[in-house]
Amino acid sequence: MTFSVVQRRSLFGTLRCLGVTRLEVFSLVVVEALLVGVVGSFLGLVIGVLLGQGAVRLVTRTINDLFFVVTVQGIQIQ
């Protein structure tokens, strides 16, 4: 987020010249950070669950092939 803010310093300066208050500029940055955080968290959770299910499936197959038969009914996410 710091890089994003530094990169758009001139835009924020233009907005300030047009009458946007410091609080409004700050609010824009905070709302953007919140949206990026929420979307990133959601995608991370979904991708993590999918990767976890795939890993369990692969490990179960390996154990079945090499050692003995195991059955995994599902994954419980706490």
PDB file of N, CA and C in Angstrom:
ATOM      1  N   MET A   1       0.820  -1.189   0.000  1.00  0.00           N
ATOM      2  CA  MET A   1       0.000   0.000   0.000  1.00  0.00           C
ATOM      3  C   MET A   1       0.866   1.257   0.000  1.00  0.00           C
ATOM      4  N   THR A   2       1.989   1.188   0.681  1.00  0.00           N
ATOM      5  CA  THR A   2       2.865   2.360   0.716  1.00  0.00           C
ATOM      6  C   THR A   2       3.342   2.712  -0.686  1.00  0.00           C
ATOM      7  N   PHE A   3       3.724   1.705  -1.449  1.00  0.00           N
ATOM      8  CA  PHE A   3       4.167   1.948  -2.820  1.00  0.00           C
ATOM      9  C   PHE A   3       3.048   2.563  -3.649  1.00  0.00           C
ATOM     10  N   SER A   4       1.844   2.073  -3.466  1.00  0.00           N
ATOM     11  CA  SER A   4       0.691   2.600  -4.202  1.00  0.00           C
ATOM     12  C   SER A   4       0.453   4.074  -3.862  1.00  0.00           C
ATOM     13  N   VAL A   5       0.582   4.405  -2.594  1.00  0.00           N
ATOM     14  CA  VAL A   5       0.370   5.801  -2.172  1.00  0.00           C
ATOM     15  C   VAL A   5       1.479   6.698  -2.710  1.00  0.00           C
ATOM     16  N   VAL A   6       2.719   6.245  -2.607  1.00  0.00           N
ATOM     17  CA  VAL A   6       3.847   7.053  -3.093  1.00  0.00           C
ATOM     18  C   VAL A   6       3.752   7.250  -4.609  1.00  0.00           C
ATOM     19  N   GLN A   7       3.318   6.209  -5.301  1.00  0.00           N
ATOM     20  CA  GLN A   7       3.205   6.290  -6.749  1.00  0.00           C
ATOM     21  C   GLN A   7       2.135   7.302  -7.172  1.00  0.00           C
ATOM     22  N   ARG A   8       1.109   7.485  -6.345  1.00  0.00           N
ATOM     23  CA  ARG A   8       0.014   8.393  -6.713  1.00  0.00           C
ATOM     24  C   ARG A   8       0.051   9.718  -5.952  1.00  0.00           C
ATOM     25  N   ARG A   9       1.220  10.127  -5.506  1.00  0.00           N
ATOM     26  CA  ARG A   9       1.338  11.387  -4.774  1.00  0.00           C
ATOM     27  C   ARG A   9       0.848  12.573  -5.587  1.00  0.00           C
ATOM     28  N   SER A  10       1.174  12.595  -6.856  1.00  0.00           N
ATOM     29  CA  SER A  10       0.747  13.737  -7.682  1.00  0.00           C
ATOM     30  C   SER A  10      -0.778  13.755  -7.823  1.00  0.00           C
ATOM     31  N   LEU A  11      -1.409  12.591  -7.917  1.00  0.00           N
ATOM     32  CA  LEU A  11      -2.873  12.529  -7.982  1.00  0.00           C
ATOM     33  C   LEU A  11      -3.490  13.077  -6.701  1.00  0.00           C
ATOM     34  N   PHE A  12      -2.915  12.694  -5.570  1.00  0.00           N
ATOM     35  CA  PHE A  12      -3.439  13.201  -4.302  1.00  0.00           C
ATOM     36  C   PHE A  12      -3.247  14.712  -4.192  1.00  0.00           C
ATOM     37  N   GLY A  13      -2.127  15.206  -4.712  1.00  0.00           N
ATOM     38  CA  GLY A  13      -1.903  16.652  -4.725  1.00  0.00           C
ATOM     39  C   GLY A  13      -2.935  17.361  -5.593  1.00  0.00           C
ATOM     40  N   THR A  14      -3.252  16.790  -6.729  1.00  0.00           N
ATOM     41  CA  THR A  14      -4.274  17.368  -7.607  1.00  0.00           C
ATOM     42  C   THR A  14      -5.638  17.366  -6.919  1.00  0.00           C
ATOM     43  N   LEU A  15      -5.954  16.263  -6.278  1.00  0.00           N
ATOM     44  CA  LEU A  15      -7.235  16.203  -5.548  1.00  0.00           C
ATOM     45  C   LEU A  15      -7.294  17.258  -4.450  1.00  0.00           C
ATOM     46  N   ARG A  16      -6.171  17.446  -3.732  1.00  0.00           N
ATOM     47  CA  ARG A  16      -6.138  18.466  -2.678  1.00  0.00           C
ATOM     48  C   ARG A  16      -6.331  19.863  -3.269  1.00  0.00           C
ATOM     49  N   CYS A  17      -5.754  20.121  -4.449  1.00  0.00           N
ATOM     50  CA  CYS A  17      -5.920  21.426  -5.106  1.00  0.00           C
ATOM     51  C   CYS A  17      -7.365  21.648  -5.535  1.00  0.00           C
ATOM     52  N   LEU A  18      -8.072  20.569  -5.832  1.00  0.00           N
ATOM     53  CA  LEU A  18      -9.471  20.674  -6.245  1.00  0.00           C
ATOM     54  C   LEU A  18     -10.435  20.780  -5.072  1.00  0.00           C
ATOM     55  N   GLY A  19      -9.904  20.713  -3.843  1.00  0.00           N
ATOM     56  CA  GLY A  19     -10.758  20.931  -2.683  1.00  0.00           C
ATOM     57  C   GLY A  19     -11.066  19.707  -1.852  1.00  0.00           C
ATOM     58  N   VAL A  20     -10.450  18.582  -2.159  1.00  0.00           N
ATOM     59  CA  VAL A  20     -10.664  17.373  -1.362  1.00  0.00           C
ATOM     60  C   VAL A  20      -9.872  17.512  -0.073  1.00  0.00           C
ATOM     61  N   THR A  21     -10.500  17.198   1.043  1.00  0.00           N
ATOM     62  CA  THR A  21      -9.833  17.358   2.335  1.00  0.00           C
ATOM     63  C   THR A  21      -8.856  16.214   2.579  1.00  0.00           C
ATOM     64  N   ARG A  22      -7.973  16.418   3.569  1.00  0.00           N
ATOM     65  CA  ARG A  22      -7.017  15.372   3.936  1.00  0.00           C
ATOM     66  C   ARG A  22      -7.734  14.127   4.431  1.00  0.00           C
ATOM     67  N   LEU A  23      -8.798  14.309   5.162  1.00  0.00           N
ATOM     68  CA  LEU A  23      -9.559  13.185   5.682  1.00  0.00           C
ATOM     69  C   LEU A  23     -10.186  12.378   4.550  1.00  0.00           C
ATOM     70  N   GLU A  24     -10.653  13.051   3.516  1.00  0.00           N
ATOM     71  CA  GLU A  24     -11.238  12.339   2.374  1.00  0.00           C
ATOM     72  C   GLU A  24     -10.180  11.552   1.598  1.00  0.00           C
ATOM     73  N   VAL A  25      -8.995  12.128   1.422  1.00  0.00           N
ATOM     74  CA  VAL A  25      -7.908  11.414   0.745  1.00  0.00           C
ATOM     75  C   VAL A  25      -7.489  10.209   1.584  1.00  0.00           C
ATOM     76  N   PHE A  26      -7.371  10.412   2.883  1.00  0.00           N
ATOM     77  CA  PHE A  26      -7.029   9.322   3.794  1.00  0.00           C
ATOM     78  C   PHE A  26      -8.089   8.224   3.739  1.00  0.00           C
ATOM     79  N   SER A  27      -9.345   8.627   3.698  1.00  0.00           N
ATOM     80  CA  SER A  27     -10.440   7.653   3.617  1.00  0.00           C
ATOM     81  C   SER A  27     -10.372   6.846   2.328  1.00  0.00           C
ATOM     82  N   LEU A  28     -10.031   7.494   1.225  1.00  0.00           N
ATOM     83  CA  LEU A  28      -9.876   6.771  -0.045  1.00  0.00           C
ATOM     84  C   LEU A  28      -8.802   5.688   0.060  1.00  0.00           C
ATOM     85  N   VAL A  29      -7.685   6.039   0.665  1.00  0.00           N
ATOM     86  CA  VAL A  29      -6.585   5.085   0.798  1.00  0.00           C
ATOM     87  C   VAL A  29      -6.983   3.941   1.733  1.00  0.00           C
ATOM     88  N   VAL A  30      -7.640   4.252   2.831  1.00  0.00           N
ATOM     89  CA  VAL A  30      -8.044   3.220   3.792  1.00  0.00           C
ATOM     90  C   VAL A  30      -9.085   2.279   3.181  1.00  0.00           C
ATOM     91  N   VAL A  31     -10.047   2.827   2.455  1.00  0.00           N
ATOM     92  CA  VAL A  31     -11.071   1.993   1.812  1.00  0.00           C
ATOM     93  C   VAL A  31     -10.422   1.088   0.766  1.00  0.00           C
ATOM     94  N   GLU A  32      -9.479   1.624   0.007  1.00  0.00           N
ATOM     95  CA  GLU A  32      -8.774   0.794  -0.976  1.00  0.00           C
ATOM     96  C   GLU A  32      -8.011  -0.333  -0.286  1.00  0.00           C
ATOM     97  N   ALA A  33      -7.318  -0.021   0.797  1.00  0.00           N
ATOM     98  CA  ALA A  33      -6.571  -1.044   1.537  1.00  0.00           C
ATOM     99  C   ALA A  33      -7.511  -2.101   2.101  1.00  0.00           C
ATOM    100  N   LEU A  34      -8.668  -1.671   2.582  1.00  0.00           N
ATOM    101  CA  LEU A  34      -9.648  -2.607   3.131  1.00  0.00           C
ATOM    102  C   LEU A  34     -10.157  -3.548   2.038  1.00  0.00           C
ATOM    103  N   LEU A  35     -10.479  -2.991   0.879  1.00  0.00           N
ATOM    104  CA  LEU A  35     -10.964  -3.826  -0.224  1.00  0.00           C
ATOM    105  C   LEU A  35      -9.905  -4.819  -0.694  1.00  0.00           C
ATOM    106  N   VAL A  36      -8.681  -4.357  -0.830  1.00  0.00           N
ATOM    107  CA  VAL A  36      -7.603  -5.251  -1.244  1.00  0.00           C
ATOM    108  C   VAL A  36      -7.393  -6.346  -0.200  1.00  0.00           C
ATOM    109  N   GLY A  37      -7.461  -5.990   1.070  1.00  0.00           N
ATOM    110  CA  GLY A  37      -7.297  -6.968   2.140  1.00  0.00           C
ATOM    111  C   GLY A  37      -8.404  -7.998   2.167  1.00  0.00           C
ATOM    112  N   VAL A  38      -9.647  -7.562   1.993  1.00  0.00           N
ATOM    113  CA  VAL A  38     -10.779  -8.488   2.011  1.00  0.00           C
ATOM    114  C   VAL A  38     -10.717  -9.436   0.819  1.00  0.00           C
ATOM    115  N   VAL A  39     -10.467  -8.900  -0.359  1.00  0.00           N
ATOM    116  CA  VAL A  39     -10.391  -9.750  -1.559  1.00  0.00           C
ATOM    117  C   VAL A  39      -9.216 -10.724  -1.437  1.00  0.00           C
ATOM    118  N   GLY A  40      -8.076 -10.242  -0.978  1.00  0.00           N
ATOM    119  CA  GLY A  40      -6.910 -11.113  -0.807  1.00  0.00           C
ATOM    120  C   GLY A  40      -7.148 -12.202   0.222  1.00  0.00           C
ATOM    121  N   SER A  41      -7.810 -11.867   1.320  1.00  0.00           N
ATOM    122  CA  SER A  41      -8.115 -12.862   2.347  1.00  0.00           C
ATOM    123  C   SER A  41      -9.064 -13.924   1.813  1.00  0.00           C
ATOM    124  N   PHE A  42     -10.099 -13.496   1.110  1.00  0.00           N
ATOM    125  CA  PHE A  42     -11.063 -14.442   0.559  1.00  0.00           C
ATOM    126  C   PHE A  42     -10.396 -15.390  -0.432  1.00  0.00           C
ATOM    127  N   LEU A  43      -9.616 -14.823  -1.360  1.00  0.00           N
ATOM    128  CA  LEU A  43      -8.925 -15.664  -2.340  1.00  0.00           C
ATOM    129  C   LEU A  43      -7.926 -16.600  -1.665  1.00  0.00           C
ATOM    130  N   GLY A  44      -7.239 -16.114  -0.655  1.00  0.00           N
ATOM    131  CA  GLY A  44      -6.284 -16.948   0.072  1.00  0.00           C
ATOM    132  C   GLY A  44      -6.957 -18.114   0.768  1.00  0.00           C
ATOM    133  N   LEU A  45      -8.106 -17.858   1.380  1.00  0.00           N
ATOM    134  CA  LEU A  45      -8.835 -18.944   2.041  1.00  0.00           C
ATOM    135  C   LEU A  45      -9.326 -19.978   1.045  1.00  0.00           C
ATOM    136  N   VAL A  46      -9.912 -19.523  -0.040  1.00  0.00           N
ATOM    137  CA  VAL A  46     -10.454 -20.449  -1.041  1.00  0.00           C
ATOM    138  C   VAL A  46      -9.335 -21.274  -1.667  1.00  0.00           C
ATOM    139  N   ILE A  47      -8.269 -20.613  -2.081  1.00  0.00           N
ATOM    140  CA  ILE A  47      -7.159 -21.328  -2.708  1.00  0.00           C
ATOM    141  C   ILE A  47      -6.482 -22.265  -1.704  1.00  0.00           C
ATOM    142  N   GLY A  48      -6.360 -21.835  -0.453  1.00  0.00           N
ATOM    143  CA  GLY A  48      -5.768 -22.688   0.578  1.00  0.00           C
ATOM    144  C   GLY A  48      -6.568 -23.952   0.827  1.00  0.00           C
ATOM    145  N   VAL A  49      -7.894 -23.822   0.875  1.00  0.00           N
ATOM    146  CA  VAL A  49      -8.743 -25.010   1.072  1.00  0.00           C
ATOM    147  C   VAL A  49      -8.612 -25.944  -0.122  1.00  0.00           C
ATOM    148  N   LEU A  50      -8.633 -25.404  -1.334  1.00  0.00           N
ATOM    149  CA  LEU A  50      -8.504 -26.244  -2.524  1.00  0.00           C
ATOM    150  C   LEU A  50      -7.149 -26.956  -2.571  1.00  0.00           C
ATOM    151  N   LEU A  51      -6.085 -26.245  -2.251  1.00  0.00           N
ATOM    152  CA  LEU A  51      -4.761 -26.865  -2.233  1.00  0.00           C
ATOM    153  C   LEU A  51      -4.667 -27.913  -1.129  1.00  0.00           C
ATOM    154  N   GLY A  52      -5.268 -27.641   0.012  1.00  0.00           N
ATOM    155  CA  GLY A  52      -5.275 -28.611   1.107  1.00  0.00           C
ATOM    156  C   GLY A  52      -6.011 -29.885   0.736  1.00  0.00           C
ATOM    157  N   GLN A  53      -7.155 -29.746   0.087  1.00  0.00           N
ATOM    158  CA  GLN A  53      -7.905 -30.920  -0.352  1.00  0.00           C
ATOM    159  C   GLN A  53      -7.105 -31.721  -1.373  1.00  0.00           C
ATOM    160  N   GLY A  54      -6.459 -31.041  -2.291  1.00  0.00           N
ATOM    161  CA  GLY A  54      -5.635 -31.732  -3.279  1.00  0.00           C
ATOM    162  C   GLY A  54      -4.465 -32.459  -2.638  1.00  0.00           C
ATOM    163  N   ALA A  55      -3.833 -31.819  -1.652  1.00  0.00           N
ATOM    164  CA  ALA A  55      -2.702 -32.451  -0.967  1.00  0.00           C
ATOM    165  C   ALA A  55      -3.143 -33.689  -0.197  1.00  0.00           C
ATOM    166  N   VAL A  56      -4.272 -33.602   0.490  1.00  0.00           N
ATOM    167  CA  VAL A  56      -4.791 -34.764   1.225  1.00  0.00           C
ATOM    168  C   VAL A  56      -5.113 -35.893   0.259  1.00  0.00           C
ATOM    169  N   ARG A  57      -5.704 -35.572  -0.877  1.00  0.00           N
ATOM    170  CA  ARG A  57      -6.028 -36.588  -1.876  1.00  0.00           C
ATOM    171  C   ARG A  57      -4.756 -37.279  -2.372  1.00  0.00           C
ATOM    172  N   LEU A  58      -3.699 -36.511  -2.641  1.00  0.00           N
ATOM    173  CA  LEU A  58      -2.448 -37.090  -3.132  1.00  0.00           C
ATOM    174  C   LEU A  58      -1.757 -37.938  -2.065  1.00  0.00           C
ATOM    175  N   VAL A  59      -1.738 -37.463  -0.831  1.00  0.00           N
ATOM    176  CA  VAL A  59      -1.103 -38.228   0.245  1.00  0.00           C
ATOM    177  C   VAL A  59      -1.872 -39.514   0.503  1.00  0.00           C
ATOM    178  N   THR A  60      -3.198 -39.443   0.483  1.00  0.00           N
ATOM    179  CA  THR A  60      -4.016 -40.640   0.679  1.00  0.00           C
ATOM    180  C   THR A  60      -3.740 -41.661  -0.419  1.00  0.00           C
ATOM    181  N   ARG A  61      -3.637 -41.212  -1.642  1.00  0.00           N
ATOM    182  CA  ARG A  61      -3.349 -42.120  -2.755  1.00  0.00           C
ATOM    183  C   ARG A  61      -1.974 -42.769  -2.581  1.00  0.00           C
ATOM    184  N   THR A  62      -0.995 -41.980  -2.143  1.00  0.00           N
ATOM    185  CA  THR A  62       0.348 -42.525  -1.934  1.00  0.00           C
ATOM    186  C   THR A  62       0.345 -43.586  -0.841  1.00  0.00           C
ATOM    187  N   ILE A  63      -0.320 -43.307   0.269  1.00  0.00           N
ATOM    188  CA  ILE A  63      -0.399 -44.288   1.363  1.00  0.00           C
ATOM    189  C   ILE A  63      -1.113 -45.549   0.894  1.00  0.00           C
ATOM    190  N   ASN A  64      -2.194 -45.390   0.129  1.00  0.00           N
ATOM    191  CA  ASN A  64      -2.922 -46.549  -0.391  1.00  0.00           C
ATOM    192  C   ASN A  64      -2.037 -47.392  -1.314  1.00  0.00           C
ATOM    193  N   ASP A  65      -1.244 -46.741  -2.138  1.00  0.00           N
ATOM    194  CA  ASP A  65      -0.404 -47.465  -3.087  1.00  0.00           C
ATOM    195  C   ASP A  65       0.778 -48.155  -2.425  1.00  0.00           C
ATOM    196  N   LEU A  66       1.355 -47.550  -1.394  1.00  0.00           N
ATOM    197  CA  LEU A  66       2.595 -48.066  -0.825  1.00  0.00           C
ATOM    198  C   LEU A  66       2.413 -48.902   0.435  1.00  0.00           C
ATOM    199  N   PHE A  67       1.446 -48.570   1.274  1.00  0.00           N
ATOM    200  CA  PHE A  67       1.387 -49.197   2.591  1.00  0.00           C
ATOM    201  C   PHE A  67       0.097 -49.975   2.813  1.00  0.00           C
ATOM    202  N   PHE A  68      -0.966 -49.294   3.088  1.00  0.00           N
ATOM    203  CA  PHE A  68      -2.241 -49.948   3.393  1.00  0.00           C
ATOM    204  C   PHE A  68      -3.375 -49.034   2.963  1.00  0.00           C
ATOM    205  N   VAL A  69      -4.572 -49.555   2.959  1.00  0.00           N
ATOM    206  CA  VAL A  69      -5.724 -48.803   2.465  1.00  0.00           C
ATOM    207  C   VAL A  69      -6.266 -47.901   3.574  1.00  0.00           C
ATOM    208  N   VAL A  70      -6.374 -46.627   3.269  1.00  0.00           N
ATOM    209  CA  VAL A  70      -7.008 -45.662   4.172  1.00  0.00           C
ATOM    210  C   VAL A  70      -8.117 -44.960   3.401  1.00  0.00           C
ATOM    211  N   THR A  71      -9.114 -44.538   4.131  1.00  0.00           N
ATOM    212  CA  THR A  71     -10.224 -43.819   3.522  1.00  0.00           C
ATOM    213  C   THR A  71     -10.390 -42.483   4.228  1.00  0.00           C
ATOM    214  N   VAL A  72     -10.315 -41.420   3.474  1.00  0.00           N
ATOM    215  CA  VAL A  72     -10.529 -40.078   4.010  1.00  0.00           C
ATOM    216  C   VAL A  72     -11.872 -39.611   3.484  1.00  0.00           C
ATOM    217  N   GLN A  73     -12.795 -39.373   4.400  1.00  0.00           N
ATOM    218  CA  GLN A  73     -14.155 -38.977   4.009  1.00  0.00           C
ATOM    219  C   GLN A  73     -14.228 -37.494   3.643  1.00  0.00           C
ATOM    220  N   GLY A  74     -13.465 -36.676   4.313  1.00  0.00           N
ATOM    221  CA  GLY A  74     -13.512 -35.233   4.032  1.00  0.00           C
ATOM    222  C   GLY A  74     -12.513 -34.485   4.875  1.00  0.00           C
ATOM    223  N   ILE A  75     -12.451 -33.209   4.653  1.00  0.00           N
ATOM    224  CA  ILE A  75     -11.549 -32.342   5.384  1.00  0.00           C
ATOM    225  C   ILE A  75     -12.386 -31.395   6.222  1.00  0.00           C
ATOM    226  N   GLN A  76     -12.016 -31.279   7.499  1.00  0.00           N
ATOM    227  CA  GLN A  76     -12.750 -30.380   8.381  1.00  0.00           C
ATOM    228  C   GLN A  76     -11.944 -29.116   8.585  1.00  0.00           C
ATOM    229  N   ILE A  77     -12.478 -27.996   8.146  1.00  0.00           N
ATOM    230  CA  ILE A  77     -11.825 -26.693   8.290  1.00  0.00           C
ATOM    231  C   ILE A  77     -12.325 -26.043   9.579  1.00  0.00           C
ATOM    232  N   GLN A  78     -11.410 -25.747  10.475  1.00  0.00           N
ATOM    233  CA  GLN A  78     -11.804 -25.147  11.761  1.00  0.00           C
ATOM    234  C   GLN A  78     -11.680 -23.651  11.700  1.00  0.00           C
TER     235      GLN A  78
END
